[in-house]
């Protein structure tokens, strides 16, 4: 998820952690207050695995870079249209 090329300011690990936190709270809520240690491992380990895969390999996981790319495409189209006028 994070490597040397990403730098220490990479936002992906934080996006992953926020996503996992929200999913955990949404799934278990107050049940965690009375849960046994590691009682939710079997169920939630699948979610962790899926989300690690998503945030590590799917370019759509980085919303900011995706939006920057979309903005760049729009800018290029606008420049092409301006040049035609």
Protein backbone atom coordinates (compact mmCIF):
# COMPACT_ATOMS: atom_id res chain seq x y z
CA UNK A 1 0.00 0.00 0.00
CA UNK A 2 2.82 2.41 0.80
CA UNK A 3 6.31 2.16 -0.59
CA UNK A 4 9.41 4.29 -1.01
CA UNK A 5 8.12 5.93 -4.19
CA UNK A 6 4.95 7.11 -2.50
CA UNK A 7 6.80 9.10 0.14
CA UNK A 8 5.87 9.57 3.74
CA UNK A 9 3.04 11.96 2.91
CA UNK A 10 1.06 9.39 0.95
CA UNK A 11 -2.62 9.68 1.71
CA UNK A 12 -3.51 6.13 0.66
CA UNK A 13 -2.73 4.45 4.00
CA UNK A 14 -4.90 7.01 5.75
CA UNK A 15 -7.74 6.55 3.26
CA UNK A 16 -7.49 2.79 3.82
CA UNK A 17 -7.60 3.17 7.60
CA UNK A 18 -10.57 5.55 7.45
CA UNK A 19 -12.44 3.16 5.15
CA UNK A 20 -11.72 0.19 7.44
CA UNK A 21 -12.80 2.16 10.50
CA UNK A 22 -16.10 3.15 8.89
CA UNK A 23 -16.80 -0.40 7.71
CA UNK A 24 -15.99 -1.84 11.14
CA UNK A 25 -18.22 0.62 13.00
CA UNK A 26 -21.02 0.15 10.45
CA UNK A 27 -20.78 -3.65 10.76
CA UNK A 28 -20.38 -4.04 14.51
CA UNK A 29 -21.32 -0.76 16.20
CA UNK A 30 -21.74 -1.19 19.95
CA UNK A 31 -21.28 -4.97 19.73
CA UNK A 32 -17.54 -4.40 20.10
CA UNK A 33 -18.08 -3.35 23.71
CA UNK A 34 -19.03 -6.89 24.73
CA UNK A 35 -17.09 -8.88 22.11
CA UNK A 36 -14.49 -11.45 23.03
CA UNK A 37 -10.91 -10.78 22.01
CA UNK A 38 -10.42 -11.62 18.32
CA UNK A 39 -14.11 -12.61 18.13
CA UNK A 40 -14.63 -10.77 14.86
CA UNK A 41 -11.44 -11.87 13.13
CA UNK A 42 -13.00 -14.54 10.94
CA UNK A 43 -15.66 -12.23 9.54
CA UNK A 44 -13.73 -8.99 9.29
CA UNK A 45 -10.47 -10.49 7.98
CA UNK A 46 -12.17 -10.92 4.59
CA UNK A 47 -13.07 -7.22 4.54
CA UNK A 48 -9.50 -6.29 5.47
CA UNK A 49 -8.10 -8.50 2.73
CA UNK A 50 -10.46 -7.13 0.06
CA UNK A 51 -9.80 -3.52 0.99
CA UNK A 52 -6.02 -4.03 1.14
CA UNK A 53 -6.19 -5.42 -2.37
CA UNK A 54 -8.33 -2.51 -3.56
CA UNK A 55 -6.18 0.23 -2.03
CA UNK A 56 -2.96 -1.45 -3.19
CA UNK A 57 -3.88 -2.18 -6.79
CA UNK A 58 -6.90 -0.21 -7.99
CA UNK A 59 -6.03 3.22 -9.43
CA UNK A 60 -9.56 4.42 -8.60
CA UNK A 61 -8.77 4.10 -4.90
CA UNK A 62 -6.81 7.36 -5.01
CA UNK A 63 -9.67 9.80 -5.52
CA UNK A 64 -7.47 12.88 -5.63
CA UNK A 65 -5.25 11.54 -8.41
CA UNK A 66 -8.32 10.29 -10.28
CA UNK A 67 -9.94 13.74 -10.05
CA UNK A 68 -6.70 15.42 -11.12
CA UNK A 69 -6.64 13.19 -14.19
CA UNK A 70 -10.26 13.98 -14.99
CA UNK A 71 -9.61 17.72 -14.59
CA UNK A 72 -6.61 17.44 -16.87
CA UNK A 73 -8.74 15.74 -19.51
CA UNK A 74 -11.38 18.47 -19.27
CA UNK A 75 -8.69 21.14 -19.49
CA UNK A 76 -7.23 19.52 -22.61
CA UNK A 77 -10.66 19.36 -24.26
CA UNK A 78 -11.29 23.00 -23.43
CA UNK A 79 -7.93 24.03 -24.88
CA UNK A 80 -8.64 22.05 -28.06
CA UNK A 81 -12.04 23.70 -28.39
CA UNK A 82 -10.59 27.17 -27.80
CA UNK A 83 -7.96 26.53 -30.47
CA UNK A 84 -10.71 25.63 -32.96
CA UNK A 85 -12.46 28.95 -32.40
